[in-house]
Amino acid sequence: MVDRQLSIVSKEDQLKFKESKIAVVGCGGIGGAAIEMLSRMGVGQLILIDEDEFDVSNLNRQVLSSVNDLKQPKALVAKKRVETINSNVKVKEYIEKLDEKNINTLLENVDIIIDALDNITARVIISRYAKNNKIPFIHGAIHGMMGQITVFKEKVDYETLFNLPSKDKDLNESVLEELNSLSNDIPPAIGPTPNIVGALEAIEAFKLITNIGKITEAPKILNFDLLNFNSFMVEEF
């Protein structure tokens, strides 16, 4: 099913991708698009994590949602979708919230972690795990028609890049409270934005595994605004 990709990557590189294990944390708008593309590109294993269910408000942007799947767990719907696209992909879904207690179990032996969240606290927990275990962490976020992506490897970490109040601190009750206060607002969103971010995260994962092209590694960030296509550019923070 990936014959047309083999003019872009070698069979050896495609095999690397087939043998990879990628975790997608969040199976909604950004995550749904990333999952769809990873499956079609021939990923080997997917770990899908999301505690939420689909509701009618998701239909405007979350590609895996439909009226037939309302009130169904997003991670389970995502798994079924992958199975209809590429039955060779091994999928494990977790219908639970990722936190400090279960992160070692949920993300065990993954090669890449894709951030498809809208929660800063969860991102901090995941980014620390990724840094400590030397796992590439692909970050994506949206607001309205604006999106951003970057890849955290060795140069700089998530908390440092965005100068978060948790930087270099233990995640005690007061620090967590401060982080949670940054995630209170529900960002506006329109259909294409999260899907573009998710697709870009998927190709960054593909580049990481196959070593083709250049990734957008932090402190560089790809930003865009769909109201101005000239805004697509990589900036260094």
Protein backbone atom coordinates (compact mmCIF):
# COMPACT_ATOMS: atom_id res chain seq x y z
CA MET A 1 0.00 0.00 0.00
CA VAL A 2 3.04 2.30 0.15
CA ASP A 3 4.34 1.70 -3.38
CA ARG A 4 4.14 5.39 -4.30
CA GLN A 5 6.22 6.27 -1.22
CA LEU A 6 9.08 4.08 -2.40
CA SER A 7 10.06 6.70 -4.94
CA ILE A 8 10.69 8.99 -1.96
CA VAL A 9 12.28 6.58 0.53
CA SER A 10 14.16 3.33 0.11
CA LYS A 11 12.71 -0.04 1.04
CA GLU A 12 15.16 -0.11 3.94
CA ASP A 13 13.90 3.22 5.26
CA GLN A 14 10.28 2.17 4.80
CA LEU A 15 11.04 -0.97 6.77
CA LYS A 16 12.38 1.21 9.60
CA PHE A 17 9.03 2.96 9.72
CA LYS A 18 7.20 -0.36 9.66
CA GLU A 19 9.22 -1.43 12.69
CA SER A 20 8.63 1.80 14.63
CA LYS A 21 6.36 2.30 17.63
CA ILE A 22 4.75 5.72 17.95
CA ALA A 23 2.52 7.02 20.72
CA VAL A 24 -0.17 9.59 19.95
CA VAL A 25 -1.43 11.27 23.11
CA GLY A 26 -4.84 12.69 22.26
CA CYS A 27 -7.09 11.22 19.57
CA GLY A 28 -9.17 14.29 18.72
CA GLY A 29 -8.48 16.92 16.08
CA ILE A 30 -4.69 16.97 15.88
CA GLY A 31 -4.35 13.36 16.98
CA GLY A 32 -6.93 12.04 14.56
CA ALA A 33 -5.12 13.52 11.58
CA ALA A 34 -1.75 12.26 12.81
CA ILE A 35 -3.15 8.76 13.36
CA GLU A 36 -4.75 8.72 9.91
CA MET A 37 -1.51 9.74 8.16
CA LEU A 38 0.77 7.47 10.18
CA SER A 39 -1.45 4.50 9.33
CA ARG A 40 -1.43 5.32 5.64
CA MET A 41 2.34 5.81 5.60
CA GLY A 42 2.87 2.33 7.02
CA VAL A 43 3.77 2.76 10.68
CA GLY A 44 4.35 -0.50 12.53
CA GLN A 45 2.77 0.11 15.94
CA LEU A 46 0.56 2.82 17.41
CA ILE A 47 -0.14 3.54 21.04
CA LEU A 48 -3.32 5.64 21.23
CA ILE A 49 -4.15 7.44 24.47
CA ASP A 50 -7.29 9.47 25.20
CA GLU A 51 -9.78 9.41 28.07
CA ASP A 52 -12.46 11.37 26.20
CA GLU A 53 -15.49 10.46 24.07
CA PHE A 54 -16.66 12.08 20.85
CA ASP A 55 -19.46 14.63 21.09
CA VAL A 56 -21.28 16.82 18.59
CA SER A 57 -18.90 19.76 19.14
CA ASN A 58 -16.07 17.68 17.64
CA LEU A 59 -17.69 17.27 14.23
CA ASN A 60 -16.41 20.55 12.79
CA ARG A 61 -12.73 19.54 12.94
CA GLN A 62 -11.99 16.05 14.29
CA VAL A 63 -11.56 13.82 11.25
CA LEU A 64 -12.26 10.59 13.16
CA SER A 65 -15.58 11.83 14.53
CA SER A 66 -18.98 11.13 12.98
CA VAL A 67 -22.60 11.15 14.07
CA ASN A 68 -22.35 7.37 14.35
CA ASP A 69 -19.53 7.58 16.89
CA LEU A 70 -20.90 10.12 19.33
CA LYS A 71 -20.39 9.08 22.97
CA GLN A 72 -17.82 6.50 21.84
CA PRO A 73 -14.26 6.57 23.26
CA LYS A 74 -11.97 8.46 20.91
CA ALA A 75 -9.09 6.02 21.37
CA LEU A 76 -11.30 3.05 20.51
CA VAL A 77 -12.79 4.76 17.44
CA ALA A 78 -9.26 5.65 16.35
CA LYS A 79 -8.14 2.04 16.70
CA LYS A 80 -11.05 0.82 14.57
CA ARG A 81 -10.24 3.46 11.96
CA VAL A 82 -6.62 2.31 11.76
CA GLU A 83 -7.76 -1.27 11.30
CA THR A 84 -9.89 -0.26 8.29
CA ILE A 85 -6.96 1.64 6.72
CA ASN A 86 -4.04 -0.70 7.36
CA SER A 87 -4.63 -4.01 9.10
CA ASN A 88 -0.86 -4.53 9.39
CA VAL A 89 -0.57 -1.82 12.04
CA LYS A 90 -0.49 -3.11 15.60
CA VAL A 91 -2.66 -0.84 17.74
CA LYS A 92 -3.06 -0.58 21.48
CA GLU A 93 -5.60 1.90 22.81
CA TYR A 94 -5.77 3.30 26.34
CA ILE A 95 -9.02 4.95 27.38
CA GLU A 96 -7.53 6.81 30.29
CA LYS A 97 -5.81 10.02 31.25
CA LEU A 98 -2.04 9.95 31.02
CA ASP A 99 -0.39 11.11 34.27
CA GLU A 100 2.76 10.63 36.33
CA LYS A 101 1.45 7.34 37.74
CA ASN A 102 0.79 5.50 34.48
CA ILE A 103 3.16 7.18 32.02
CA ASN A 104 5.86 4.51 32.33
CA THR A 105 3.37 1.80 31.44
CA LEU A 106 1.58 3.65 28.64
CA LEU A 107 4.71 4.91 26.89
CA GLU A 108 6.95 1.92 27.43
CA ASN A 109 9.45 1.34 24.59
CA VAL A 110 7.98 3.91 22.19
CA ASP A 111 10.26 5.49 19.59
CA ILE A 112 8.40 8.80 19.30
CA ILE A 113 5.72 10.64 21.27
CA ILE A 114 3.27 12.87 19.41
CA ASP A 115 1.55 15.63 21.36
CA ALA A 116 -2.07 16.04 20.29
CA LEU A 117 -3.22 17.61 23.54
CA ASP A 118 -4.80 20.87 24.63
CA ASN A 119 -3.49 20.61 28.18
CA ILE A 120 -0.20 22.20 29.26
CA THR A 121 0.14 20.14 32.44
CA ALA A 122 -0.02 16.87 30.51
CA ARG A 123 2.50 18.22 28.01
CA VAL A 124 4.92 19.02 30.82
CA ILE A 125 4.61 15.50 32.26
CA ILE A 126 5.14 13.92 28.85
CA SER A 127 7.99 16.23 27.87
CA ARG A 128 9.87 15.40 31.07
CA TYR A 129 9.42 11.70 30.43
CA ALA A 130 10.59 12.12 26.84
CA LYS A 131 13.64 14.12 27.91
CA ASN A 132 14.63 11.65 30.64
CA ASN A 133 14.27 8.71 28.26
CA LYS A 134 15.76 10.46 25.20
CA ILE A 135 12.58 10.01 23.15
CA PRO A 136 11.74 12.61 20.47
CA PHE A 137 8.67 14.60 21.50
CA ILE A 138 6.71 16.17 18.63
CA HIS A 139 4.67 19.13 19.83
CA GLY A 140 1.67 20.59 18.02
CA ALA A 141 -0.87 23.21 19.03
CA ILE A 142 -3.60 25.34 17.49
CA HIS A 143 -5.62 28.47 18.16
CA GLY A 144 -8.35 29.38 15.71
CA MET A 145 -6.68 29.42 12.29
CA MET A 146 -3.16 29.44 13.72
CA GLY A 147 -0.98 26.42 14.33
CA GLN A 148 2.52 25.52 15.41
CA ILE A 149 4.76 22.46 15.52
CA THR A 150 8.24 21.67 16.73
CA VAL A 151 10.29 18.63 17.66
CA PHE A 152 12.01 18.39 21.02
CA LYS A 153 15.15 16.27 21.02
CA GLU A 154 18.37 17.41 22.67
CA LYS A 155 18.80 21.15 22.10
CA VAL A 156 16.05 22.51 24.32
CA ASP A 157 13.05 21.15 26.22
CA TYR A 158 9.37 22.15 26.20
CA GLU A 159 9.35 23.99 29.52
CA THR A 160 12.46 25.98 28.67
CA LEU A 161 11.33 26.96 25.18
CA PHE A 162 7.99 28.31 26.37
CA ASN A 163 9.36 29.61 29.69
CA LEU A 164 6.78 27.78 31.76
CA PRO A 165 6.46 28.40 35.53
CA SER A 166 7.23 24.71 36.18
CA LYS A 167 10.73 24.94 34.70
CA ASP A 168 13.33 23.35 37.00
CA LYS A 169 10.70 22.76 39.71
CA ASP A 170 9.09 19.69 41.21
CA LEU A 171 5.49 19.22 40.13
CA ASN A 172 4.05 19.88 43.56
CA GLU A 173 0.52 21.06 44.24
CA SER A 174 1.22 24.77 43.82
CA VAL A 175 3.16 24.29 40.57
CA LEU A 176 0.45 22.04 39.14
CA GLU A 177 -2.18 24.59 40.11
CA GLU A 178 -0.26 27.28 38.25
CA LEU A 179 0.10 25.07 35.18
CA ASN A 180 -3.57 24.11 35.24
CA SER A 181 -4.52 27.78 35.28
CA LEU A 182 -2.79 28.14 31.91
CA SER A 183 -5.03 25.45 30.39
CA ASN A 184 -8.43 26.76 31.49
CA ASP A 185 -9.44 28.40 28.20
CA ILE A 186 -10.83 26.25 25.41
CA PRO A 187 -9.10 27.42 22.21
CA PRO A 188 -11.25 28.25 19.16
CA ALA A 189 -10.78 25.91 16.21
CA ILE A 190 -11.82 25.50 12.60
CA GLY A 191 -11.65 22.24 10.67
CA PRO A 192 -8.46 22.51 8.62
CA THR A 193 -6.18 23.84 11.37
CA PRO A 194 -5.80 20.76 13.62
CA ASN A 195 -5.71 18.48 10.61
CA ILE A 196 -2.80 20.39 9.09
CA VAL A 197 -0.92 20.29 12.40
CA GLY A 198 -1.57 16.56 12.81
CA ALA A 199 -0.41 15.80 9.27
CA LEU A 200 2.75 17.85 9.82
CA GLU A 201 3.45 16.00 13.06
CA ALA A 202 3.07 12.70 11.21
CA ILE A 203 5.60 13.70 8.55
CA GLU A 204 8.03 14.87 11.23
CA ALA A 205 7.74 11.41 12.78
CA PHE A 206 8.36 9.84 9.37
CA LYS A 207 11.46 12.00 8.90
CA LEU A 208 12.76 11.12 12.35
CA ILE A 209 12.47 7.38 11.75
CA THR A 210 13.72 7.31 8.15
CA ASN A 211 16.29 10.11 8.47
CA ILE A 212 15.10 11.82 5.30
CA GLY A 213 14.89 15.59 5.14
CA LYS A 214 15.30 17.98 8.06
CA ILE A 215 13.05 18.06 11.09
CA THR A 216 11.85 21.29 12.68
CA GLU A 217 13.83 20.91 15.88
CA ALA A 218 13.34 23.24 18.83
CA PRO A 219 14.17 26.05 19.40
CA LYS A 220 12.90 26.35 15.84
CA ILE A 221 9.11 26.37 15.48
CA LEU A 222 6.94 26.19 12.37
CA ASN A 223 4.12 28.72 12.73
CA PHE A 224 1.25 29.43 10.37
CA ASP A 225 -1.97 31.40 10.07
CA LEU A 226 -4.50 30.12 7.55
CA LEU A 227 -5.73 33.68 7.02
CA ASN A 228 -2.32 34.48 5.56
CA PHE A 229 -0.52 31.72 3.67
CA ASN A 230 2.63 33.86 3.59
CA SER A 231 2.80 33.28 7.35
CA PHE A 232 4.07 29.71 6.95
CA MET A 233 7.61 30.03 8.27
CA VAL A 234 10.10 28.51 10.66
CA GLU A 235 11.19 30.86 13.44
CA GLU A 236 13.73 30.39 16.18
CA PHE A 237 12.66 31.31 19.71
